[in-house]
């Protein structure tokens, strides 16, 4: 999944920002975003989650998520949560 995310981050640079969090190192995030498992992928728009995926998604679904975020205007955020 990391290679796919890296490629999409490059493709959507300036439209979608990406980050990764290790939930074991930031346990305070689990109750806030109710992670059901790892990896968890969350797309944010205006500071609110608008996309959520638990587990490694199909590459086409991941690309569709990035495309949707890029069309929402401004720079959107895409987060990856690992354990």
Protein backbone atom coordinates (compact mmCIF):
# COMPACT_ATOMS: atom_id res chain seq x y z
CA UNK A 1 0.00 0.00 0.00
CA UNK A 2 2.89 2.39 0.70
CA UNK A 3 4.01 2.50 -2.95
CA UNK A 4 0.45 3.31 -4.07
CA UNK A 5 0.13 6.07 -1.48
CA UNK A 6 3.51 7.51 -2.43
CA UNK A 7 2.54 7.58 -6.12
CA UNK A 8 -0.81 9.23 -5.37
CA UNK A 9 0.85 11.76 -3.04
CA UNK A 10 3.15 12.74 -5.90
CA UNK A 11 0.32 12.85 -8.44
CA UNK A 12 -1.92 15.01 -6.22
CA UNK A 13 0.83 17.17 -4.71
CA UNK A 14 -0.58 20.63 -3.99
CA UNK A 15 -4.13 19.26 -3.92
CA UNK A 16 -4.01 16.54 -1.28
CA UNK A 17 -1.52 16.47 1.58
CA UNK A 18 -0.64 13.13 3.15
CA UNK A 19 0.61 12.04 6.54
CA UNK A 20 1.00 8.83 8.53
CA UNK A 21 0.50 8.14 12.23
CA UNK A 22 1.49 5.08 14.24
CA UNK A 23 -1.46 4.62 16.59
CA UNK A 24 0.78 2.84 19.11
CA UNK A 25 2.78 6.08 19.42
CA UNK A 26 -0.30 8.34 19.40
CA UNK A 27 -2.95 6.39 21.34
CA UNK A 28 -4.93 9.56 22.02
CA UNK A 29 -6.12 9.52 18.38
CA UNK A 30 -7.91 6.16 18.61
CA UNK A 31 -10.90 7.37 20.63
CA UNK A 32 -11.15 10.58 18.60
CA UNK A 33 -11.41 8.85 15.21
CA UNK A 34 -12.71 5.43 16.35
CA UNK A 35 -10.25 3.28 14.43
CA UNK A 36 -11.73 -0.16 13.81
CA UNK A 37 -8.39 -1.61 12.74
CA UNK A 38 -5.10 -0.84 11.06
CA UNK A 39 -4.21 0.20 8.56
CA UNK A 40 -6.92 2.83 8.53
CA UNK A 41 -7.10 5.47 5.84
CA UNK A 42 -9.01 8.69 6.48
CA UNK A 43 -9.65 11.54 4.06
CA UNK A 44 -10.42 14.94 5.57
CA UNK A 45 -12.19 17.95 4.11
CA UNK A 46 -12.46 21.10 6.18
CA UNK A 47 -10.98 19.26 9.16
CA UNK A 48 -13.73 16.62 9.15
CA UNK A 49 -13.40 12.98 8.03
CA UNK A 50 -15.16 12.41 4.70
CA UNK A 51 -13.57 9.12 3.62
CA UNK A 52 -12.72 6.14 5.80
CA UNK A 53 -11.22 2.81 4.83
CA UNK A 54 -10.02 0.07 7.17
CA UNK A 55 -7.59 -2.35 5.60
CA UNK A 56 -5.71 -2.03 2.35
CA UNK A 57 -8.14 -0.83 -0.33
CA UNK A 58 -8.20 -1.87 -3.95
CA UNK A 59 -5.87 0.47 -5.90
CA UNK A 60 -8.81 1.81 -7.95
CA UNK A 61 -10.74 2.70 -4.79
CA UNK A 62 -7.71 4.44 -3.31
CA UNK A 63 -7.24 6.44 -6.51
CA UNK A 64 -10.94 7.39 -6.48
CA UNK A 65 -10.63 8.63 -2.90
CA UNK A 66 -7.71 10.89 -3.82
CA UNK A 67 -9.54 12.14 -6.92
CA UNK A 68 -12.62 13.00 -4.85
CA UNK A 69 -10.56 14.88 -2.28
CA UNK A 70 -8.69 16.80 -4.97
CA UNK A 71 -11.95 18.12 -6.43
CA UNK A 72 -13.20 19.55 -3.14
CA UNK A 73 -11.05 22.67 -3.41
CA UNK A 74 -8.17 23.91 -1.28
CA UNK A 75 -5.59 21.38 -0.11
CA UNK A 76 -7.22 18.37 1.50
CA UNK A 77 -5.66 15.94 3.95
CA UNK A 78 -5.21 12.21 3.65
CA UNK A 79 -4.04 10.24 6.68
CA UNK A 80 -2.74 6.73 7.11
CA UNK A 81 -2.89 5.09 10.52
CA UNK A 82 -0.70 2.09 11.27
CA UNK A 83 0.06 0.08 14.36
